[in-house]
C-alpha atoms as a PDB file:
ATOM      1  CA  MET A   1      13.789   4.134  36.851  1.00  0.00           C
ATOM      2  CA  LYS A   2      11.830   6.573  39.248  1.00  0.00           C
ATOM      3  CA  TYR A   3      10.460   8.667  35.866  1.00  0.00           C
ATOM      4  CA  LEU A   4       9.741   5.618  34.118  1.00  0.00           C
ATOM      5  CA  THR A   5       7.138   4.389  37.641  1.00  0.00           C
ATOM      6  CA  ILE A   6       5.306   7.396  37.848  1.00  0.00           C
ATOM      7  CA  LEU A   7       4.759   7.717  33.557  1.00  0.00           C
ATOM      8  CA  LEU A   8       3.322   3.987  34.559  1.00  0.00           C
ATOM      9  CA  VAL A   9       0.869   5.742  37.903  1.00  0.00           C
ATOM     10  CA  PHE A  10      -0.459   8.704  35.328  1.00  0.00           C
ATOM     11  CA  LEU A  11      -1.172   5.960  33.171  1.00  0.00           C
ATOM     12  CA  VAL A  12      -3.154   3.658  35.427  1.00  0.00           C
ATOM     13  CA  LEU A  13      -4.702   6.689  37.500  1.00  0.00           C
ATOM     14  CA  SER A  14      -5.443   7.619  33.509  1.00  0.00           C
ATOM     15  CA  VAL A  15      -6.984   4.620  32.327  1.00  0.00           C
ATOM     16  CA  ASN A  16      -8.496   3.968  35.796  1.00  0.00           C
ATOM     17  CA  GLY A  17     -10.393   7.325  36.145  1.00  0.00           C
ATOM     18  CA  SER A  18     -11.945   6.803  32.646  1.00  0.00           C
ATOM     19  CA  GLY A  19     -12.553   3.538  32.542  1.00  0.00           C
ATOM     20  CA  GLN A  20     -16.965   4.481  30.878  1.00  0.00           C
ATOM     21  CA  GLU A  21     -15.569   6.016  28.085  1.00  0.00           C
ATOM     22  CA  ASN A  22     -12.565   3.086  27.527  1.00  0.00           C
ATOM     23  CA  LYS A  23     -15.752   0.846  27.481  1.00  0.00           C
ATOM     24  CA  LYS A  24     -17.139   2.792  24.701  1.00  0.00           C
ATOM     25  CA  THR A  25     -14.019   3.499  22.448  1.00  0.00           C
ATOM     26  CA  PHE A  26     -13.587  -1.258  23.163  1.00  0.00           C
ATOM     27  CA  ARG A  27     -17.473  -2.050  22.001  1.00  0.00           C
ATOM     28  CA  PRO A  28     -17.268  -2.861  17.956  1.00  0.00           C
ATOM     29  CA  GLU A  29     -21.086  -0.840  17.411  1.00  0.00           C
ATOM     30  CA  TYR A  30     -18.346   2.796  18.265  1.00  0.00           C
ATOM     31  CA  ILE A  31     -15.333   0.952  16.782  1.00  0.00           C
ATOM     32  CA  LYS A  32     -17.208   0.822  12.568  1.00  0.00           C
ATOM     33  CA  ARG A  33     -18.977   4.140  13.196  1.00  0.00           C
ATOM     34  CA  THR A  34     -15.965   5.816  14.176  1.00  0.00           C
ATOM     35  CA  MET A  35     -14.033   4.125  10.111  1.00  0.00           C
ATOM     36  CA  LYS A  36     -17.162   5.323   8.715  1.00  0.00           C
ATOM     37  CA  LYS A  37     -16.774   8.865   9.825  1.00  0.00           C
ATOM     38  CA  ALA A  38     -13.166   8.663   8.836  1.00  0.00           C
ATOM     39  CA  ALA A  39     -13.694   6.843   5.555  1.00  0.00           C
ATOM     40  CA  VAL A  40     -17.002   9.668   5.431  1.00  0.00           C
ATOM     41  CA  TRP A  41     -14.553  12.725   5.559  1.00  0.00           C
ATOM     42  CA  GLN A  42     -12.261  11.700   3.649  1.00  0.00           C
ATOM     43  CA  LEU A  43     -13.647  10.604   0.874  1.00  0.00           C
ATOM     44  CA  LYS A  44     -15.030  14.251   1.103  1.00  0.00           C
ATOM     45  CA  ASN A  45     -11.650  15.987   1.325  1.00  0.00           C
ATOM     46  CA  PRO A  46      -9.731  14.617  -2.303  1.00  0.00           C
ATOM     47  CA  LYS A  47      -6.325  15.782  -2.311  1.00  0.00           C
ATOM     48  CA  HIS A  48      -4.743  13.370  -5.495  1.00  0.00           C
ATOM     49  CA  LYS A  49      -5.880  11.285  -8.918  1.00  0.00           C
ATOM     50  CA  LEU A  50      -8.481   9.447  -7.498  1.00  0.00           C
ATOM     51  CA  ASN A  51      -5.665   6.190  -9.552  1.00  0.00           C
ATOM     52  CA  ASP A  52      -2.126   8.042  -7.589  1.00  0.00           C
ATOM     53  CA  TRP A  53      -0.580   5.364  -4.866  1.00  0.00           C
ATOM     54  CA  THR A  54      -2.007   6.674  -2.884  1.00  0.00           C
ATOM     55  CA  ASN A  55      -5.321   6.249  -3.534  1.00  0.00           C
ATOM     56  CA  GLY A  56      -4.321   2.571  -3.642  1.00  0.00           C
ATOM     57  CA  ALA A  57      -4.105   3.310  -0.228  1.00  0.00           C
ATOM     58  CA  PHE A  58      -6.757   4.600   0.475  1.00  0.00           C
ATOM     59  CA  TYR A  59      -8.854   2.411  -1.194  1.00  0.00           C
ATOM     60  CA  ALA A  60      -6.906  -0.366   0.093  1.00  0.00           C
ATOM     61  CA  GLY A  61      -8.411  -0.477   3.673  1.00  0.00           C
ATOM     62  CA  LEU A  62     -11.481   1.826   2.022  1.00  0.00           C
ATOM     63  CA  PHE A  63     -12.380  -2.289   1.510  1.00  0.00           C
ATOM     64  CA  SER A  64     -11.573  -3.450   5.130  1.00  0.00           C
ATOM     65  CA  ALA A  65     -14.061  -1.022   6.957  1.00  0.00           C
ATOM     66  CA  TRP A  66     -16.637  -2.083   4.227  1.00  0.00           C
ATOM     67  CA  GLU A  67     -16.166  -5.646   5.105  1.00  0.00           C
ATOM     68  CA  THR A  68     -16.490  -4.423   9.157  1.00  0.00           C
ATOM     69  CA  THR A  69     -19.056  -2.213   8.961  1.00  0.00           C
ATOM     70  CA  GLY A  70     -21.213  -3.352   5.790  1.00  0.00           C
ATOM     71  CA  SER A  71     -22.019   0.528   4.645  1.00  0.00           C
ATOM     72  CA  GLY A  72     -23.508   0.439   1.539  1.00  0.00           C
ATOM     73  CA  LYS A  73     -22.633   4.189   1.111  1.00  0.00           C
ATOM     74  CA  ILE A  74     -18.224   2.596   0.965  1.00  0.00           C
ATOM     75  CA  TYR A  75     -19.365   0.152  -1.760  1.00  0.00           C
ATOM     76  CA  ARG A  76     -20.634   2.358  -3.420  1.00  0.00           C
ATOM     77  CA  ALA A  77     -17.771   4.833  -3.115  1.00  0.00           C
ATOM     78  CA  MET A  78     -15.664   2.537  -4.325  1.00  0.00           C
ATOM     79  CA  ILE A  79     -17.789   1.540  -6.905  1.00  0.00           C
ATOM     80  CA  LYS A  80     -17.794   4.876  -8.408  1.00  0.00           C
ATOM     81  CA  MET A  81     -14.190   4.790  -8.110  1.00  0.00           C
ATOM     82  CA  GLY A  82     -13.220   2.011 -10.415  1.00  0.00           C
ATOM     83  CA  LYS A  83     -15.771   3.425 -12.866  1.00  0.00           C
ATOM     84  CA  GLU A  84     -14.357   6.595 -13.048  1.00  0.00           C
ATOM     85  CA  ASN A  85     -11.301   5.163 -13.430  1.00  0.00           C
ATOM     86  CA  GLU A  86     -13.109   2.981 -15.785  1.00  0.00           C
ATOM     87  CA  TRP A  87     -11.017   0.128 -13.517  1.00  0.00           C
ATOM     88  CA  LYS A  88      -7.878   0.557 -15.679  1.00  0.00           C
ATOM     89  CA  PRO A  89      -3.951   0.780 -13.551  1.00  0.00           C
ATOM     90  CA  GLY A  90      -2.595   3.925 -13.358  1.00  0.00           C
ATOM     91  CA  PRO A  91      -0.310   5.344 -17.144  1.00  0.00           C
ATOM     92  CA  ARG A  92       3.288   3.806 -16.138  1.00  0.00           C
ATOM     93  CA  LEU A  93       3.439   0.132 -17.325  1.00  0.00           C
ATOM     94  CA  PHE A  94       6.566  -0.675 -14.598  1.00  0.00           C
ATOM     95  CA  HIS A  95       5.029   1.082 -11.592  1.00  0.00           C
ATOM     96  CA  ALA A  96       4.392  -0.649  -8.569  1.00  0.00           C
ATOM     97  CA  ASP A  97       2.274   2.950  -7.056  1.00  0.00           C
ATOM     98  CA  ASP A  98       0.800   2.830 -10.542  1.00  0.00           C
ATOM     99  CA  HIS A  99      -0.823  -1.519  -9.973  1.00  0.00           C
ATOM    100  CA  ALA A 100      -1.469   0.159  -6.317  1.00  0.00           C
ATOM    101  CA  ILE A 101      -5.428   0.805  -7.332  1.00  0.00           C
ATOM    102  CA  CYS A 102      -6.011  -2.404  -8.583  1.00  0.00           C
ATOM    103  CA  GLN A 103      -6.157  -3.745  -5.441  1.00  0.00           C
ATOM    104  CA  THR A 104      -9.296  -3.076  -4.689  1.00  0.00           C
ATOM    105  CA  TYR A 105     -10.655  -3.829  -8.061  1.00  0.00           C
ATOM    106  CA  ILE A 106     -10.035  -7.572  -7.777  1.00  0.00           C
ATOM    107  CA  ASP A 107     -11.584  -7.515  -4.488  1.00  0.00           C
ATOM    108  CA  LEU A 108     -14.657  -6.080  -5.873  1.00  0.00           C
ATOM    109  CA  TYR A 109     -14.803  -8.865  -8.513  1.00  0.00           C
ATOM    110  CA  ARG A 110     -14.542 -10.980  -5.994  1.00  0.00           C
ATOM    111  CA  ILE A 111     -17.883  -9.941  -5.413  1.00  0.00           C
ATOM    112  CA  SER A 112     -19.473  -8.882  -8.566  1.00  0.00           C
ATOM    113  CA  LYS A 113     -17.356 -11.345 -11.001  1.00  0.00           C
ATOM    114  CA  ASN A 114     -18.079  -8.236 -13.151  1.00  0.00           C
ATOM    115  CA  LYS A 115     -15.528  -8.806 -15.387  1.00  0.00           C
ATOM    116  CA  GLU A 116     -14.599  -5.974 -16.709  1.00  0.00           C
ATOM    117  CA  MET A 117     -13.216  -4.716 -12.828  1.00  0.00           C
ATOM    118  CA  ILE A 118     -10.147  -6.304 -14.029  1.00  0.00           C
ATOM    119  CA  ASP A 119      -9.861  -7.013 -17.571  1.00  0.00           C
ATOM    120  CA  PRO A 120      -7.792  -3.879 -17.330  1.00  0.00           C
ATOM    121  CA  PHE A 121      -5.263  -5.000 -15.789  1.00  0.00           C
ATOM    122  CA  ILE A 122      -4.723  -8.244 -16.651  1.00  0.00           C
ATOM    123  CA  GLN A 123      -4.081  -6.472 -20.434  1.00  0.00           C
ATOM    124  CA  THR A 124      -1.167  -4.048 -17.959  1.00  0.00           C
ATOM    125  CA  LEU A 125       0.329  -7.406 -17.130  1.00  0.00           C
ATOM    126  CA  ASP A 126       0.198  -9.045 -20.360  1.00  0.00           C
ATOM    127  CA  LYS A 127       1.865  -6.352 -21.679  1.00  0.00           C
ATOM    128  CA  PHE A 128       4.636  -6.263 -18.311  1.00  0.00           C
ATOM    129  CA  LYS A 129       5.008  -9.309 -19.152  1.00  0.00           C
ATOM    130  CA  LYS A 130       6.227  -9.038 -22.610  1.00  0.00           C
ATOM    131  CA  THR A 131       7.957  -5.500 -22.566  1.00  0.00           C
ATOM    132  CA  ALA A 132      11.503  -5.251 -21.985  1.00  0.00           C
ATOM    133  CA  TYR A 133      12.413  -2.882 -18.936  1.00  0.00           C
ATOM    134  CA  THR A 134      15.544  -1.047 -19.610  1.00  0.00           C
ATOM    135  CA  GLY A 135      16.024   0.951 -16.676  1.00  0.00           C
ATOM    136  CA  SER A 136      18.966   2.549 -15.285  1.00  0.00           C
ATOM    137  CA  GLY A 137      21.482   4.290 -12.481  1.00  0.00           C
ATOM    138  CA  GLN A 138      19.040   3.563  -9.258  1.00  0.00           C
ATOM    139  CA  GLU A 139      16.420   2.125 -11.287  1.00  0.00           C
ATOM    140  CA  ARG A 140      18.316  -0.529 -12.305  1.00  0.00           C
ATOM    141  CA  ILE A 141      15.218  -2.953 -11.114  1.00  0.00           C
ATOM    142  CA  ILE A 142      11.721  -3.086 -11.883  1.00  0.00           C
ATOM    143  CA  TRP A 143      11.033  -2.008  -8.204  1.00  0.00           C
ATOM    144  CA  TRP A 144      13.099  -0.360  -7.486  1.00  0.00           C
ATOM    145  CA  TRP A 145      12.148   1.377  -4.192  1.00  0.00           C
ATOM    146  CA  CYS A 146      11.345  -0.660  -0.767  1.00  0.00           C
ATOM    147  CA  ASP A 147       7.929   0.954  -1.470  1.00  0.00           C
ATOM    148  CA  ALA A 148       6.756  -0.608  -4.299  1.00  0.00           C
ATOM    149  CA  LEU A 149       6.262  -3.816  -1.766  1.00  0.00           C
ATOM    150  CA  PHE A 150       3.799  -2.057  -0.848  1.00  0.00           C
ATOM    151  CA  MET A 151       1.747  -0.820  -4.134  1.00  0.00           C
ATOM    152  CA  ALA A 152       2.558  -3.785  -5.916  1.00  0.00           C
ATOM    153  CA  PRO A 153       2.419  -7.894  -4.956  1.00  0.00           C
ATOM    154  CA  PRO A 154      -0.452  -7.305  -3.285  1.00  0.00           C
ATOM    155  CA  ALA A 155      -3.247  -6.323  -6.228  1.00  0.00           C
ATOM    156  CA  PHE A 156      -0.443  -9.420  -8.337  1.00  0.00           C
ATOM    157  CA  VAL A 157      -0.710 -12.261  -5.355  1.00  0.00           C
ATOM    158  CA  LYS A 158      -4.781 -11.376  -4.963  1.00  0.00           C
ATOM    159  CA  LEU A 159      -4.835 -11.400  -8.278  1.00  0.00           C
ATOM    160  CA  GLY A 160      -2.849 -15.146  -9.705  1.00  0.00           C
ATOM    161  CA  ILE A 161      -5.385 -16.991  -6.410  1.00  0.00           C
ATOM    162  CA  THR A 162      -8.388 -15.035  -7.394  1.00  0.00           C
ATOM    163  CA  LEU A 163      -7.808 -16.242 -11.237  1.00  0.00           C
ATOM    164  CA  ASN A 164      -6.477 -19.167  -9.880  1.00  0.00           C
ATOM    165  CA  ASP A 165      -3.022 -18.777 -12.592  1.00  0.00           C
ATOM    166  CA  PRO A 166       0.745 -19.041 -10.713  1.00  0.00           C
ATOM    167  CA  GLU A 167       1.776 -17.413 -13.713  1.00  0.00           C
ATOM    168  CA  TYR A 168       0.940 -13.783 -11.319  1.00  0.00           C
ATOM    169  CA  LEU A 169       2.293 -15.136  -8.425  1.00  0.00           C
ATOM    170  CA  HIS A 170       5.705 -16.299 -10.075  1.00  0.00           C
ATOM    171  CA  LEU A 171       6.314 -12.972 -11.287  1.00  0.00           C
ATOM    172  CA  SER A 172       5.098 -11.895  -7.359  1.00  0.00           C
ATOM    173  CA  ASP A 173       7.961 -13.580  -6.727  1.00  0.00           C
ATOM    174  CA  LYS A 174      10.770 -13.515  -8.835  1.00  0.00           C
ATOM    175  CA  LEU A 175      10.818  -9.384  -8.922  1.00  0.00           C
ATOM    176  CA  PHE A 176      10.050  -9.189  -4.930  1.00  0.00           C
ATOM    177  CA  LYS A 177      13.397 -11.082  -4.599  1.00  0.00           C
ATOM    178  CA  GLU A 178      14.995  -8.901  -6.990  1.00  0.00           C
ATOM    179  CA  THR A 179      13.813  -5.559  -4.743  1.00  0.00           C
ATOM    180  CA  TYR A 180      14.970  -7.771  -1.876  1.00  0.00           C
ATOM    181  CA  ASP A 181      18.478  -8.761  -3.030  1.00  0.00           C
ATOM    182  CA  LEU A 182      19.511  -5.454  -4.298  1.00  0.00           C
ATOM    183  CA  LEU A 183      17.774  -2.685  -0.796  1.00  0.00           C
ATOM    184  CA  TYR A 184      17.212  -5.585   2.337  1.00  0.00           C
ATOM    185  CA  ASP A 185      20.077  -5.673   4.954  1.00  0.00           C
ATOM    186  CA  LYS A 186      20.338  -8.516   6.378  1.00  0.00           C
ATOM    187  CA  LYS A 187      22.392  -6.930   9.487  1.00  0.00           C
ATOM    188  CA  GLU A 188      20.497  -4.178   9.985  1.00  0.00           C
ATOM    189  CA  HIS A 189      17.569  -6.268   9.073  1.00  0.00           C
ATOM    190  CA  LEU A 190      16.542  -2.435   6.959  1.00  0.00           C
ATOM    191  CA  TYR A 191      14.776  -1.904   3.510  1.00  0.00           C
ATOM    192  CA  ALA A 192      17.005   0.694   2.680  1.00  0.00           C
ATOM    193  CA  ARG A 193      14.332   3.418   0.736  1.00  0.00           C
ATOM    194  CA  ASP A 194      16.329   2.599  -2.764  1.00  0.00           C
ATOM    195  CA  VAL A 195      19.670   1.486  -4.226  1.00  0.00           C
ATOM    196  CA  ARG A 196      20.330   5.879  -3.220  1.00  0.00           C
ATOM    197  CA  TYR A 197      20.770   5.780   0.908  1.00  0.00           C
ATOM    198  CA  LYS A 198      23.141   2.184   0.586  1.00  0.00           C
ATOM    199  CA  TRP A 199      26.097   4.464   1.010  1.00  0.00           C
ATOM    200  CA  ASP A 200      28.779   2.168  -0.387  1.00  0.00           C
ATOM    201  CA  GLU A 201      26.587   0.832  -3.275  1.00  0.00           C
ATOM    202  CA  PRO A 202      29.488   1.531  -6.358  1.00  0.00           C
ATOM    203  CA  GLY A 203      27.577   3.608  -9.215  1.00  0.00           C
ATOM    204  CA  ILE A 204      25.627   5.739  -7.329  1.00  0.00           C
ATOM    205  CA  GLU A 205      25.762  10.073  -6.523  1.00  0.00           C
ATOM    206  CA  PHE A 206      24.165   8.839  -2.688  1.00  0.00           C
ATOM    207  CA  LEU A 207      21.683  10.064  -0.346  1.00  0.00           C
ATOM    208  CA  LYS A 208      23.980  11.434   2.399  1.00  0.00           C
ATOM    209  CA  LYS A 209      22.444  13.985   5.097  1.00  0.00           C
ATOM    210  CA  PRO A 210      22.792  15.346   8.079  1.00  0.00           C
ATOM    211  CA  THR A 211      18.388  15.384   8.446  1.00  0.00           C
ATOM    212  CA  GLU A 212      18.328  12.335   7.073  1.00  0.00           C
ATOM    213  CA  LYS A 213      18.681   8.602   8.230  1.00  0.00           C
ATOM    214  CA  ARG A 214      19.901   5.550   6.429  1.00  0.00           C
ATOM    215  CA  TYR A 215      17.186   3.975   6.558  1.00  0.00           C
ATOM    216  CA  SER A 216      13.975   6.131   5.510  1.00  0.00           C
ATOM    217  CA  GLY A 217      10.434   6.305   4.278  1.00  0.00           C
ATOM    218  CA  ARG A 218       9.340   7.769   1.626  1.00  0.00           C
ATOM    219  CA  ALA A 219      13.136   9.992   2.626  1.00  0.00           C
ATOM    220  CA  ALA A 220      13.678  12.546  -0.452  1.00  0.00           C
ATOM    221  CA  MET A 221      10.830  11.525  -3.634  1.00  0.00           C
ATOM    222  CA  ASP A 222       7.783   9.177  -4.018  1.00  0.00           C
ATOM    223  CA  GLY A 223       8.925   6.544  -5.983  1.00  0.00           C
END
């Protein structure tokens, strides 16, 4: 308790001592300027393919930054990315990571109404629905690792809402439920990273190491 009190006093003094700096930090224009600065730096320092899941996450955030700042530079960067990708998802039909970038295509389509921005994703999902999935082992379901629930569902749902087509919403719900049923621990209220982290799962060579927790974000490998 003694140390907690000291820490709280220190924090209060720090806040009071830097009041002017805090006022600056929380001004809308300062925040917007910082957002644009961070976006420009990241755009100049790419590390992954444009259709990689990392860029799916990045450009989803970049679109939100554009909504906040109205930056023409950010908007043009998103259009450039889409054109370089030919508005296509990644090459793996069922892999959620390869669908993440389509979130931004759909967001841009909502502004421009340029159908070429979403046609490749529509064609991919048409094939997705018609093709039998033949996974096994840890990949027994389509979205077999918990991170997939960030990657694909937003794109599926955005497309369904944008086109007013509930079929995409039903498909997302079905696949989400499969992942939930397989990986969610109702007692712990956590998702296993994938089925290998459920130690009592039959027929699976589970992962258990002293340096790893049972539930992990991207613990041993990328999905």
